[in-house]
C-alpha atoms as a PDB file:
ATOM      1  CA  MET A   1     -64.906   3.280 -16.090  1.00  0.00           C
ATOM      2  CA  ALA A   2     -61.488   4.434 -14.675  1.00  0.00           C
ATOM      3  CA  ASP A   3     -58.844   5.711 -17.151  1.00  0.00           C
ATOM      4  CA  LEU A   4     -56.208   3.000 -16.631  1.00  0.00           C
ATOM      5  CA  ASN A   5     -53.662   3.964 -19.240  1.00  0.00           C
ATOM      6  CA  PRO A   6     -50.313   4.588 -17.640  1.00  0.00           C
ATOM      7  CA  ILE A   7     -49.496   7.693 -20.052  1.00  0.00           C
ATOM      8  CA  SER A   8     -52.910   9.049 -19.542  1.00  0.00           C
ATOM      9  CA  ALA A   9     -52.179   8.856 -15.622  1.00  0.00           C
ATOM     10  CA  TRP A  10     -48.537  10.513 -15.695  1.00  0.00           C
ATOM     11  CA  ARG A  11     -49.980  13.231 -17.825  1.00  0.00           C
ATOM     12  CA  ARG A  12     -52.642  13.878 -15.254  1.00  0.00           C
ATOM     13  CA  PHE A  13     -50.545  13.960 -12.596  1.00  0.00           C
ATOM     14  CA  LEU A  14     -47.972  16.435 -14.598  1.00  0.00           C
ATOM     15  CA  ALA A  15     -51.164  18.395 -14.917  1.00  0.00           C
ATOM     16  CA  LEU A  16     -51.587  18.953 -10.713  1.00  0.00           C
ATOM     17  CA  PRO A  17     -50.440  22.076  -9.976  1.00  0.00           C
ATOM     18  CA  ASN A  18     -47.027  22.512  -8.346  1.00  0.00           C
ATOM     19  CA  GLU A  19     -47.927  23.244  -4.612  1.00  0.00           C
ATOM     20  CA  ASN A  20     -49.997  20.262  -4.458  1.00  0.00           C
ATOM     21  CA  ARG A  21     -48.187  18.176  -1.698  1.00  0.00           C
ATOM     22  CA  THR A  22     -49.028  14.646  -3.170  1.00  0.00           C
ATOM     23  CA  LYS A  23     -47.002  16.125  -6.722  1.00  0.00           C
ATOM     24  CA  THR A  24     -44.261  17.586  -4.728  1.00  0.00           C
ATOM     25  CA  VAL A  25     -43.734  14.634  -2.512  1.00  0.00           C
ATOM     26  CA  ILE A  26     -43.333  11.871  -5.525  1.00  0.00           C
ATOM     27  CA  VAL A  27     -40.981  14.454  -7.612  1.00  0.00           C
ATOM     28  CA  ALA A  28     -38.502  14.506  -4.673  1.00  0.00           C
ATOM     29  CA  PHE A  29     -38.732  10.794  -4.143  1.00  0.00           C
ATOM     30  CA  LEU A  30     -38.242  10.198  -8.035  1.00  0.00           C
ATOM     31  CA  VAL A  31     -35.512  12.931  -8.035  1.00  0.00           C
ATOM     32  CA  SER A  32     -33.496  11.268  -5.116  1.00  0.00           C
ATOM     33  CA  ALA A  33     -34.484   7.577  -6.583  1.00  0.00           C
ATOM     34  CA  ILE A  34     -32.633   8.420  -9.865  1.00  0.00           C
ATOM     35  CA  CYS A  35     -29.672   9.824  -7.842  1.00  0.00           C
ATOM     36  CA  ALA A  36     -29.075   7.048  -6.310  1.00  0.00           C
ATOM     37  CA  LEU A  37     -29.248   4.922  -9.538  1.00  0.00           C
ATOM     38  CA  MET A  38     -26.623   7.017 -11.296  1.00  0.00           C
ATOM     39  CA  VAL A  39     -24.309   7.331  -8.288  1.00  0.00           C
ATOM     40  CA  SER A  40     -24.674   3.423  -7.290  1.00  0.00           C
ATOM     41  CA  GLY A  41     -24.078   2.777 -11.046  1.00  0.00           C
ATOM     42  CA  ALA A  42     -21.080   5.334 -11.657  1.00  0.00           C
ATOM     43  CA  THR A  43     -19.299   3.507  -8.604  1.00  0.00           C
ATOM     44  CA  VAL A  44     -19.635   0.028  -9.797  1.00  0.00           C
ATOM     45  CA  ILE A  45     -18.519   0.899 -13.604  1.00  0.00           C
ATOM     46  CA  LEU A  46     -15.618   2.967 -11.827  1.00  0.00           C
ATOM     47  CA  ARG A  47     -14.382   0.530  -9.492  1.00  0.00           C
ATOM     48  CA  PRO A  48     -12.560  -1.781 -11.843  1.00  0.00           C
ATOM     49  CA  ILE A  49     -11.240   1.390 -13.538  1.00  0.00           C
ATOM     50  CA  GLN A  50      -9.801   2.561 -10.306  1.00  0.00           C
ATOM     51  CA  THR A  51      -8.659  -0.749  -9.134  1.00  0.00           C
ATOM     52  CA  ALA A  52      -6.459  -1.085 -12.447  1.00  0.00           C
ATOM     53  CA  ASN A  53      -5.171   2.788 -12.507  1.00  0.00           C
ATOM     54  CA  ARG A  54      -3.945   1.817  -8.600  1.00  0.00           C
ATOM     55  CA  ALA A  55      -2.325  -1.822  -9.674  1.00  0.00           C
ATOM     56  CA  ALA A  56      -0.793   0.073 -12.658  1.00  0.00           C
ATOM     57  CA  GLU A  57       0.542   3.454 -10.087  1.00  0.00           C
ATOM     58  CA  GLU A  58       1.827   0.788  -7.989  1.00  0.00           C
ATOM     59  CA  GLN A  59       3.396  -1.534 -11.138  1.00  0.00           C
ATOM     60  CA  ALA A  60       5.076   1.408 -12.379  1.00  0.00           C
ATOM     61  CA  ARG A  61       6.693   2.901  -8.983  1.00  0.00           C
ATOM     62  CA  LEU A  62       7.675  -1.286  -8.625  1.00  0.00           C
ATOM     63  CA  GLU A  63       9.310  -0.666 -11.920  1.00  0.00           C
ATOM     64  CA  ALA A  64      11.120   2.352 -11.510  1.00  0.00           C
ATOM     65  CA  LEU A  65      12.910   1.054  -8.224  1.00  0.00           C
ATOM     66  CA  VAL A  66      14.030  -1.883  -9.888  1.00  0.00           C
ATOM     67  CA  ALA A  67      14.940   0.172 -12.319  1.00  0.00           C
ATOM     68  CA  GLY A  68      17.164   2.578 -10.322  1.00  0.00           C
ATOM     69  CA  ILE A  69      18.796  -0.086  -8.654  1.00  0.00           C
ATOM     70  CA  PRO A  70      22.872  -0.929  -9.868  1.00  0.00           C
ATOM     71  CA  GLY A  71      22.714  -3.870 -12.013  1.00  0.00           C
ATOM     72  CA  MET A  72      18.647  -4.730 -11.803  1.00  0.00           C
ATOM     73  CA  SER A  73      18.138  -3.356 -15.644  1.00  0.00           C
ATOM     74  CA  GLU A  74      20.486  -5.979 -17.080  1.00  0.00           C
ATOM     75  CA  ILE A  75      18.967  -8.712 -14.755  1.00  0.00           C
ATOM     76  CA  LEU A  76      15.387  -7.865 -16.211  1.00  0.00           C
ATOM     77  CA  GLU A  77      16.518  -8.111 -19.728  1.00  0.00           C
ATOM     78  CA  GLU A  78      18.431 -11.453 -19.338  1.00  0.00           C
ATOM     79  CA  PRO A  79      16.854 -14.149 -20.698  1.00  0.00           C
ATOM     80  CA  GLY A  80      14.748 -15.834 -17.731  1.00  0.00           C
ATOM     81  CA  GLY A  81      14.425 -12.669 -15.368  1.00  0.00           C
ATOM     82  CA  SER A  82      10.902 -12.033 -14.322  1.00  0.00           C
ATOM     83  CA  LEU A  83       9.325 -10.383 -11.863  1.00  0.00           C
ATOM     84  CA  SER A  84       6.744 -12.468 -10.561  1.00  0.00           C
ATOM     85  CA  THR A  85       3.829 -11.900  -7.774  1.00  0.00           C
ATOM     86  CA  VAL A  86       3.297 -14.255  -5.330  1.00  0.00           C
ATOM     87  CA  VAL A  87       0.981 -14.041  -2.143  1.00  0.00           C
ATOM     88  CA  ILE A  88       2.306 -15.375   1.391  1.00  0.00           C
ATOM     89  CA  ASN A  89       0.291 -16.688   4.117  1.00  0.00           C
ATOM     90  CA  LEU A  90       1.889 -14.735   7.244  1.00  0.00           C
ATOM     91  CA  PRO A  91       0.632 -16.581  10.248  1.00  0.00           C
ATOM     92  CA  LYS A  92       2.363 -19.437   8.465  1.00  0.00           C
ATOM     93  CA  GLY A  93       4.940 -18.301   6.348  1.00  0.00           C
ATOM     94  CA  GLU A  94       4.561 -19.564   3.466  1.00  0.00           C
ATOM     95  CA  ALA A  95       3.237 -19.038  -0.186  1.00  0.00           C
ATOM     96  CA  ALA A  96      -0.726 -19.105   0.111  1.00  0.00           C
ATOM     97  CA  GLN A  97      -2.414 -22.045  -1.358  1.00  0.00           C
ATOM     98  CA  ASN A  98      -5.786 -20.540  -2.092  1.00  0.00           C
ATOM     99  CA  VAL A  99      -5.457 -16.831  -2.102  1.00  0.00           C
ATOM    100  CA  THR A 100      -3.819 -15.047  -5.708  1.00  0.00           C
ATOM    101  CA  PRO A 101      -2.837 -11.734  -6.537  1.00  0.00           C
ATOM    102  CA  GLU A 102      -6.303 -11.460  -8.266  1.00  0.00           C
ATOM    103  CA  THR A 103      -8.583 -12.730  -5.388  1.00  0.00           C
ATOM    104  CA  LEU A 104      -5.940 -10.845  -2.627  1.00  0.00           C
ATOM    105  CA  PRO A 105      -8.238  -7.454  -2.197  1.00  0.00           C
ATOM    106  CA  ALA A 106     -11.890  -9.777  -2.006  1.00  0.00           C
ATOM    107  CA  ALA A 107      -9.663 -12.123   0.987  1.00  0.00           C
ATOM    108  CA  LEU A 108      -8.716  -8.529   2.989  1.00  0.00           C
ATOM    109  CA  ASP A 109     -12.223  -7.274   2.912  1.00  0.00           C
ATOM    110  CA  ASP A 110     -13.147 -10.242   4.939  1.00  0.00           C
ATOM    111  CA  ALA A 111     -12.459  -9.324   8.515  1.00  0.00           C
ATOM    112  CA  ALA A 112     -11.346 -13.362   9.473  1.00  0.00           C
ATOM    113  CA  ASN A 113      -8.176 -12.014   7.482  1.00  0.00           C
ATOM    114  CA  TRP A 114      -7.177  -9.837   9.423  1.00  0.00           C
ATOM    115  CA  THR A 115      -4.890  -9.881  13.072  1.00  0.00           C
ATOM    116  CA  THR A 116      -5.528  -7.816  15.743  1.00  0.00           C
ATOM    117  CA  LEU A 117      -1.689  -7.348  17.167  1.00  0.00           C
ATOM    118  CA  SER A 118      -0.392  -6.874  20.937  1.00  0.00           C
ATOM    119  CA  PRO A 119       1.190  -4.114  22.425  1.00  0.00           C
ATOM    120  CA  ALA A 120       4.435  -6.022  21.929  1.00  0.00           C
ATOM    121  CA  GLU A 121       3.771  -7.936  18.807  1.00  0.00           C
ATOM    122  CA  ASP A 122       2.589  -3.894  17.445  1.00  0.00           C
ATOM    123  CA  THR A 123       6.037  -2.094  16.896  1.00  0.00           C
ATOM    124  CA  ALA A 124       4.991  -0.114  13.985  1.00  0.00           C
ATOM    125  CA  GLY A 125       1.783   1.064  15.416  1.00  0.00           C
ATOM    126  CA  ILE A 126      -0.570  -0.291  13.031  1.00  0.00           C
ATOM    127  CA  GLY A 127      -2.868  -1.963  15.108  1.00  0.00           C
ATOM    128  CA  ARG A 128      -3.543  -5.007  13.211  1.00  0.00           C
ATOM    129  CA  ARG A 129      -1.981  -6.632  10.163  1.00  0.00           C
ATOM    130  CA  PRO A 130      -3.443  -8.770   7.110  1.00  0.00           C
ATOM    131  CA  ASN A 131      -2.767 -12.533   7.206  1.00  0.00           C
ATOM    132  CA  TYR A 132      -2.275 -12.286   3.737  1.00  0.00           C
ATOM    133  CA  THR A 133       0.235  -9.970   1.179  1.00  0.00           C
ATOM    134  CA  GLN A 134       1.957  -9.938  -1.807  1.00  0.00           C
ATOM    135  CA  ILE A 135       5.447  -9.491  -2.557  1.00  0.00           C
ATOM    136  CA  TYR A 136       7.414  -9.400  -5.679  1.00  0.00           C
ATOM    137  CA  LEU A 137      10.626 -11.826  -6.395  1.00  0.00           C
ATOM    138  CA  LEU A 138      13.084 -11.016  -9.663  1.00  0.00           C
ATOM    139  CA  ARG A 139      14.906 -14.321 -10.490  1.00  0.00           C
ATOM    140  CA  ASN A 140      17.501 -14.438 -12.989  1.00  0.00           C
ATOM    141  CA  GLU A 141      17.821 -16.949 -15.869  1.00  0.00           C
ATOM    142  CA  ASN A 142      19.093 -19.638 -13.622  1.00  0.00           C
ATOM    143  CA  GLY A 143      15.875 -19.224 -11.584  1.00  0.00           C
ATOM    144  CA  ASP A 144      17.781 -17.920  -8.139  1.00  0.00           C
ATOM    145  CA  ILE A 145      16.174 -14.796  -6.560  1.00  0.00           C
ATOM    146  CA  SER A 146      18.238 -12.138  -6.867  1.00  0.00           C
ATOM    147  CA  LEU A 147      15.586  -9.507  -5.561  1.00  0.00           C
ATOM    148  CA  ALA A 148      12.994  -9.410  -2.937  1.00  0.00           C
ATOM    149  CA  LEU A 149      10.390  -6.568  -3.237  1.00  0.00           C
ATOM    150  CA  LEU A 150       8.459  -6.721   0.400  1.00  0.00           C
ATOM    151  CA  PRO A 151       5.562  -4.388   1.303  1.00  0.00           C
ATOM    152  CA  VAL A 152       5.726  -2.515   4.625  1.00  0.00           C
ATOM    153  CA  SER A 153       3.145  -0.100   6.280  1.00  0.00           C
ATOM    154  CA  GLY A 154       3.325   2.502   9.523  1.00  0.00           C
ATOM    155  CA  PRO A 155       0.815   5.262  10.192  1.00  0.00           C
ATOM    156  CA  GLY A 156       1.950   8.748   9.087  1.00  0.00           C
ATOM    157  CA  TYR A 157       0.420  12.503  10.332  1.00  0.00           C
ATOM    158  CA  GLN A 158      -2.018  12.645   8.051  1.00  0.00           C
ATOM    159  CA  ALA A 159      -2.601   8.551   7.053  1.00  0.00           C
ATOM    160  CA  GLU A 160      -1.124   5.451   6.647  1.00  0.00           C
ATOM    161  CA  ILE A 161       2.522   5.325   4.566  1.00  0.00           C
ATOM    162  CA  ASP A 162       3.327   2.673   2.473  1.00  0.00           C
ATOM    163  CA  ALA A 163       6.319   1.209   1.167  1.00  0.00           C
ATOM    164  CA  ILE A 164       8.444  -1.095  -0.468  1.00  0.00           C
ATOM    165  CA  VAL A 165      11.918  -2.584   0.475  1.00  0.00           C
ATOM    166  CA  ALA A 166      13.858  -4.148  -1.970  1.00  0.00           C
ATOM    167  CA  LEU A 167      16.358  -6.938  -0.638  1.00  0.00           C
ATOM    168  CA  ARG A 168      19.087  -8.609  -2.462  1.00  0.00           C
ATOM    169  CA  GLY A 169      18.954 -12.423  -2.819  1.00  0.00           C
ATOM    170  CA  ASP A 170      21.314 -12.813   0.294  1.00  0.00           C
ATOM    171  CA  MET A 171      17.620 -11.124   1.922  1.00  0.00           C
ATOM    172  CA  ASN A 172      19.839  -9.223   4.468  1.00  0.00           C
ATOM    173  CA  THR A 173      20.991  -6.003   2.491  1.00  0.00           C
ATOM    174  CA  ILE A 174      18.766  -3.466   1.200  1.00  0.00           C
ATOM    175  CA  ALA A 175      18.934  -2.719  -2.247  1.00  0.00           C
ATOM    176  CA  GLY A 176      16.381   0.350  -2.297  1.00  0.00           C
ATOM    177  CA  VAL A 177      13.642   1.382  -0.525  1.00  0.00           C
ATOM    178  CA  ALA A 178      10.319   3.301  -2.610  1.00  0.00           C
ATOM    179  CA  ILE A 179       7.106   4.885  -1.045  1.00  0.00           C
ATOM    180  CA  THR A 180       4.049   3.431  -2.930  1.00  0.00           C
ATOM    181  CA  ASN A 181       1.659   5.885  -1.140  1.00  0.00           C
ATOM    182  CA  GLN A 182       1.644   8.623   1.657  1.00  0.00           C
ATOM    183  CA  ALA A 183      -0.382  11.828   2.415  1.00  0.00           C
ATOM    184  CA  GLU A 184       2.155  13.867   4.150  1.00  0.00           C
ATOM    185  CA  THR A 185       2.419  17.609   4.052  1.00  0.00           C
ATOM    186  CA  PRO A 186       4.423  18.519   1.073  1.00  0.00           C
ATOM    187  CA  GLY A 187       8.041  19.754   1.755  1.00  0.00           C
ATOM    188  CA  LEU A 188       7.798  17.962   5.781  1.00  0.00           C
ATOM    189  CA  GLY A 189       6.615  14.366   5.884  1.00  0.00           C
ATOM    190  CA  GLY A 190       6.268  14.302   2.083  1.00  0.00           C
ATOM    191  CA  ARG A 191      10.163  14.797   1.702  1.00  0.00           C
ATOM    192  CA  ILE A 192      10.313  11.050   2.625  1.00  0.00           C
ATOM    193  CA  GLU A 193       9.839  10.699  -1.264  1.00  0.00           C
ATOM    194  CA  GLU A 194      12.812  12.786  -2.066  1.00  0.00           C
ATOM    195  CA  PRO A 195      15.390  10.816  -3.589  1.00  0.00           C
ATOM    196  CA  ALA A 196      18.291  12.425  -0.910  1.00  0.00           C
ATOM    197  CA  TRP A 197      16.089  10.399   2.010  1.00  0.00           C
ATOM    198  CA  LEU A 198      15.723   7.433   0.130  1.00  0.00           C
ATOM    199  CA  ALA A 199      19.584   7.057  -1.213  1.00  0.00           C
ATOM    200  CA  GLN A 200      20.885   6.383   2.612  1.00  0.00           C
ATOM    201  CA  PHE A 201      19.025   3.130   2.543  1.00  0.00           C
ATOM    202  CA  PRO A 202      20.817   0.657  -0.337  1.00  0.00           C
ATOM    203  CA  GLY A 203      23.976  -1.249   1.090  1.00  0.00           C
ATOM    204  CA  THR A 204      22.388  -1.193   4.787  1.00  0.00           C
ATOM    205  CA  GLU A 205      22.197  -4.906   6.174  1.00  0.00           C
ATOM    206  CA  LEU A 206      19.399  -5.785   8.359  1.00  0.00           C
ATOM    207  CA  ALA A 207      21.460  -8.169  10.498  1.00  0.00           C
ATOM    208  CA  ASP A 208      25.358  -8.425  11.491  1.00  0.00           C
ATOM    209  CA  ALA A 209      27.239 -11.494  10.639  1.00  0.00           C
ATOM    210  CA  SER A 210      25.776 -13.218  13.776  1.00  0.00           C
ATOM    211  CA  GLY A 211      22.352 -12.865  12.706  1.00  0.00           C
ATOM    212  CA  THR A 212      21.821  -9.954  15.612  1.00  0.00           C
ATOM    213  CA  VAL A 213      19.086  -7.676  14.303  1.00  0.00           C
ATOM    214  CA  ARG A 214      20.919  -4.446  13.259  1.00  0.00           C
ATOM    215  CA  PHE A 215      17.610  -2.194  13.666  1.00  0.00           C
ATOM    216  CA  ALA A 216      14.980  -1.620  16.399  1.00  0.00           C
ATOM    217  CA  VAL A 217      12.522   0.954  16.681  1.00  0.00           C
ATOM    218  CA  ALA A 218      12.146   3.235  19.676  1.00  0.00           C
ATOM    219  CA  LYS A 219       9.126   5.243  21.178  1.00  0.00           C
ATOM    220  CA  GLY A 220       8.908   8.821  22.301  1.00  0.00           C
ATOM    221  CA  LEU A 221      12.261   9.880  20.445  1.00  0.00           C
ATOM    222  CA  PRO A 222      12.878  12.269  17.686  1.00  0.00           C
ATOM    223  CA  ALA A 223      12.507  10.700  14.083  1.00  0.00           C
ATOM    224  CA  MET A 224      16.213   9.643  13.247  1.00  0.00           C
ATOM    225  CA  ILE A 225      18.040   6.603  11.547  1.00  0.00           C
ATOM    226  CA  THR A 226      21.394   5.626  12.059  1.00  0.00           C
ATOM    227  CA  ARG A 227      23.540   2.727  11.597  1.00  0.00           C
ATOM    228  CA  SER A 228      26.350   1.220  13.830  1.00  0.00           C
ATOM    229  CA  THR A 229      30.039   1.928  13.070  1.00  0.00           C
ATOM    230  CA  ALA A 230      30.773  -1.233  15.001  1.00  0.00           C
ATOM    231  CA  SER A 231      29.003  -3.349  12.084  1.00  0.00           C
ATOM    232  CA  PRO A 232      30.843  -4.552   9.116  1.00  0.00           C
ATOM    233  CA  GLY A 233      30.861  -2.249   6.205  1.00  0.00           C
ATOM    234  CA  PRO A 234      30.730   1.285   5.926  1.00  0.00           C
ATOM    235  CA  PRO A 235      28.553   3.244   8.656  1.00  0.00           C
ATOM    236  CA  ALA A 236      25.630   4.954   6.867  1.00  0.00           C
ATOM    237  CA  PRO A 237      24.956   8.979   7.475  1.00  0.00           C
ATOM    238  CA  ALA A 238      22.759   9.938  10.496  1.00  0.00           C
ATOM    239  CA  MET A 239      20.046  11.840   8.680  1.00  0.00           C
ATOM    240  CA  PRO A 240      16.752  13.186  10.263  1.00  0.00           C
ATOM    241  CA  LEU A 241      13.828  11.767   9.194  1.00  0.00           C
ATOM    242  CA  PRO A 242      10.278  13.412   8.927  1.00  0.00           C
ATOM    243  CA  ARG A 243       8.313  13.162  12.400  1.00  0.00           C
ATOM    244  CA  SER A 244       5.162  10.997  10.515  1.00  0.00           C
ATOM    245  CA  CYS A 245       7.759   9.032   8.503  1.00  0.00           C
ATOM    246  CA  GLY A 246       8.447   5.148   9.437  1.00  0.00           C
ATOM    247  CA  SER A 247       6.906   3.893  12.807  1.00  0.00           C
ATOM    248  CA  GLY A 248       4.897   6.710  13.352  1.00  0.00           C
ATOM    249  CA  ALA A 249       5.104  10.324  14.227  1.00  0.00           C
ATOM    250  CA  GLY A 250       7.894  10.984  17.480  1.00  0.00           C
ATOM    251  CA  ARG A 251       9.989   7.192  16.862  1.00  0.00           C
ATOM    252  CA  LYS A 252      13.160   6.315  16.082  1.00  0.00           C
ATOM    253  CA  VAL A 253      14.756   3.907  14.301  1.00  0.00           C
ATOM    254  CA  THR A 254      18.061   3.043  14.993  1.00  0.00           C
ATOM    255  CA  ALA A 255      20.730   0.753  15.157  1.00  0.00           C
ATOM    256  CA  ARG A 256      21.424  -1.517  17.708  1.00  0.00           C
END
């Protein structure tokens, strides 16, 4: 009668010569299966940690941005001052009813929650945009919005550039800008994170008194940001930008 004891069968298998074809195939399969299980397990285990680390890094950048704006640290310390997160339904232009900050990553994994942009709509050259995004609102003790932190994205030379633009309560004056993600060349495009470059934005107005937008995107020109001297307020200095910054290499952001 054949010995069906698994331990005995395993011993007989190990006793086979290493040149045995059956033994070689089985050992190779077992090694591959074990490695695949280890990699998959590590991915599942580490994914929440990686997500938490990215969220913590983004939160730290946001806190640094808010703290760097004059007067904002005092607002955060006041009773009632709070920084809240709101998910926006971009097609409707209102707060999302069925997507929360916790469920946003899962929602963006669904291709149906992305919109392909037409050439006329795609001034930043991103191809498509998500239907949901989260913004951050800073409220004072009276519940009024004193600061809105809005995410912006655009293609860089190496990879996509993500940033946060802080608008004051009038929703027209830029209070500050922070780069949250970029992979540009150090010393060249990577200089968009330098304080000297970021310092040109605070105090800039998005639109003039008549509501005319003062900034536009032009393609095919050297990257430069300027501000109209005819508009209210002191003119911002013209300053060369890394060619991979903003809405893409070889483009220009200029005031109308």
